[in-house]
Amino acid sequence: MLHRAGRIGYIAKPCCAAVANWLRGYTVDASIERINGKPERPLIYLFVKVASKARGFGEMPNLPTW
């Protein structure tokens, strides 16, 4: 995973195809959820939001009612 400041981590191999698909076809936004680890090697957890490009982040998807 790259940021304008440099490399910030990696994506687990089983998730790579899904994340690549999200980046191609959806709007992806992320924020830092938690920072663990050591100051010289922090472990950062992100909360990732994915939305269709036609829908904004403020709009809720149409979910089926059960």
Protein backbone atom coordinates (compact mmCIF):
# COMPACT_ATOMS: atom_id res chain seq x y z
CA MET A 1 0.00 0.00 0.00
CA LEU A 2 1.47 3.33 -1.04
CA HIS A 3 0.83 6.84 0.22
CA ARG A 4 2.28 10.07 -1.14
CA ALA A 5 4.70 9.98 1.84
CA GLY A 6 5.90 6.48 0.91
CA ARG A 7 5.07 2.83 1.54
CA ILE A 8 2.77 2.34 4.51
CA GLY A 9 2.11 -1.39 4.45
CA TYR A 10 0.77 -4.26 2.44
CA ILE A 11 -2.47 -5.99 1.50
CA ALA A 12 -2.80 -9.65 2.44
CA LYS A 13 -2.42 -11.91 -0.62
CA PRO A 14 -5.97 -13.38 -0.42
CA CYS A 15 -7.42 -9.83 -0.49
CA CYS A 16 -5.37 -8.46 -3.41
CA ALA A 17 -7.83 -9.32 -6.19
CA ALA A 18 -10.79 -7.81 -4.31
CA VAL A 19 -8.91 -4.61 -3.44
CA ALA A 20 -7.69 -4.23 -7.04
CA ASN A 21 -11.30 -4.58 -8.23
CA TRP A 22 -12.47 -1.96 -5.73
CA LEU A 23 -9.80 0.50 -6.90
CA ARG A 24 -10.79 0.01 -10.55
CA GLY A 25 -14.56 0.21 -10.26
CA TYR A 26 -15.48 1.92 -7.00
CA THR A 27 -14.75 4.97 -4.89
CA VAL A 28 -12.52 3.94 -1.98
CA ASP A 29 -11.95 6.02 1.15
CA ALA A 30 -9.93 4.98 4.21
CA SER A 31 -9.21 6.34 7.65
CA ILE A 32 -6.89 5.17 10.41
CA GLU A 33 -8.87 3.10 12.93
CA ARG A 34 -6.09 2.06 15.31
CA ILE A 35 -2.30 2.26 15.65
CA ASN A 36 -0.44 -0.51 17.47
CA GLY A 37 3.14 -1.71 17.42
CA LYS A 38 6.33 0.16 18.18
CA PRO A 39 7.17 3.76 17.27
CA GLU A 40 9.88 2.59 14.87
CA ARG A 41 7.50 0.07 13.25
CA PRO A 42 3.84 0.97 13.83
CA LEU A 43 1.04 -1.42 12.93
CA ILE A 44 -1.80 0.58 11.41
CA TYR A 45 -5.37 -0.66 10.98
CA LEU A 46 -7.54 1.09 8.40
CA PHE A 47 -11.31 1.39 8.17
CA VAL A 48 -12.03 1.20 4.44
CA LYS A 49 -15.25 2.49 2.87
CA VAL A 50 -16.20 1.34 -0.62
CA ALA A 51 -19.04 2.91 -2.64
CA SER A 52 -20.09 2.72 -6.26
CA LYS A 53 -18.89 5.66 -8.32
CA ALA A 54 -22.50 6.63 -9.05
CA ARG A 55 -23.38 6.79 -5.33
CA GLY A 56 -21.85 9.12 -2.79
CA PHE A 57 -20.62 8.05 0.63
CA GLY A 58 -23.57 9.74 2.33
CA GLU A 59 -26.16 7.66 0.49
CA MET A 60 -27.24 4.31 1.86
CA PRO A 61 -27.48 1.36 -0.53
CA ASN A 62 -30.87 -0.22 -1.23
CA LEU A 63 -30.79 -3.35 0.90
CA PRO A 64 -33.41 -6.10 0.72
CA THR A 65 -35.89 -6.26 3.59
CA TRP A 66 -36.30 -9.69 5.10
